[in-house]
Amino acid sequence: VGGAMSPPRFLRAGDVVRIEIEKIGAIENRVTEEPAETAILE
């Protein structure tokens, strides 16, 4: 999300992302931590 910021800032578990379009509505999603058994390891 903010990799180009100094210092970099990324979404973490508990953060809320909310997008709203006037006269249409809004959607809100809470960031959750991915369970270890489904995590992608690089």
C-alpha atoms as a PDB file:
ATOM      1  CA  VAL A   1       0.000   0.000   0.000  1.00  0.00           C
ATOM      2  CA  GLY A   2       2.672   2.488   0.955  1.00  0.00           C
ATOM      3  CA  GLY A   3       5.886   0.876  -0.231  1.00  0.00           C
ATOM      4  CA  ALA A   4       7.059   4.159  -1.752  1.00  0.00           C
ATOM      5  CA  MET A   5       6.538   6.067   1.519  1.00  0.00           C
ATOM      6  CA  SER A   6       9.427   6.800   3.832  1.00  0.00           C
ATOM      7  CA  PRO A   7       9.260   4.762   6.036  1.00  0.00           C
ATOM      8  CA  PRO A   8       7.144   2.214   4.107  1.00  0.00           C
ATOM      9  CA  ARG A   9       3.622   1.584   5.488  1.00  0.00           C
ATOM     10  CA  PHE A  10       1.652  -1.544   4.705  1.00  0.00           C
ATOM     11  CA  LEU A  11      -1.777  -2.818   5.711  1.00  0.00           C
ATOM     12  CA  ARG A  12      -1.819  -4.886   8.903  1.00  0.00           C
ATOM     13  CA  ALA A  13      -4.380  -7.091  10.609  1.00  0.00           C
ATOM     14  CA  GLY A  14      -7.092  -4.872  12.097  1.00  0.00           C
ATOM     15  CA  ASP A  15      -6.748  -2.054   9.542  1.00  0.00           C
ATOM     16  CA  VAL A  16      -9.954  -1.035   7.748  1.00  0.00           C
ATOM     17  CA  VAL A  17     -10.120  -0.112   4.055  1.00  0.00           C
ATOM     18  CA  ARG A  18     -13.209   1.939   3.138  1.00  0.00           C
ATOM     19  CA  ILE A  19     -14.120   3.110  -0.354  1.00  0.00           C
ATOM     20  CA  GLU A  20     -17.104   5.388  -0.938  1.00  0.00           C
ATOM     21  CA  ILE A  21     -18.679   6.723  -4.115  1.00  0.00           C
ATOM     22  CA  GLU A  22     -21.045   9.616  -3.536  1.00  0.00           C
ATOM     23  CA  LYS A  23     -24.711   8.790  -4.222  1.00  0.00           C
ATOM     24  CA  ILE A  24     -23.844   5.117  -4.842  1.00  0.00           C
ATOM     25  CA  GLY A  25     -22.598   3.732  -1.549  1.00  0.00           C
ATOM     26  CA  ALA A  26     -19.596   2.456   0.336  1.00  0.00           C
ATOM     27  CA  ILE A  27     -17.780  -0.799   0.962  1.00  0.00           C
ATOM     28  CA  GLU A  28     -15.606  -1.501   3.967  1.00  0.00           C
ATOM     29  CA  ASN A  29     -13.202  -4.391   4.487  1.00  0.00           C
ATOM     30  CA  ARG A  30     -11.179  -5.266   7.577  1.00  0.00           C
ATOM     31  CA  VAL A  31      -7.695  -6.684   6.999  1.00  0.00           C
ATOM     32  CA  THR A  32      -7.159 -10.048   8.706  1.00  0.00           C
ATOM     33  CA  GLU A  33      -4.051 -12.118   9.227  1.00  0.00           C
ATOM     34  CA  GLU A  34      -3.777 -15.062   6.850  1.00  0.00           C
ATOM     35  CA  PRO A  35      -3.700 -18.452   8.615  1.00  0.00           C
ATOM     36  CA  ALA A  36      -0.225 -20.034   8.466  1.00  0.00           C
ATOM     37  CA  GLU A  37      -1.492 -23.121   6.630  1.00  0.00           C
ATOM     38  CA  THR A  38      -2.611 -20.990   3.647  1.00  0.00           C
ATOM     39  CA  ALA A  39       0.234 -18.458   3.635  1.00  0.00           C
ATOM     40  CA  ILE A  40       2.416 -18.126   0.550  1.00  0.00           C
ATOM     41  CA  LEU A  41       6.084 -18.517   1.421  1.00  0.00           C
ATOM     42  CA  GLU A  42       8.659 -16.953  -0.861  1.00  0.00           C
END
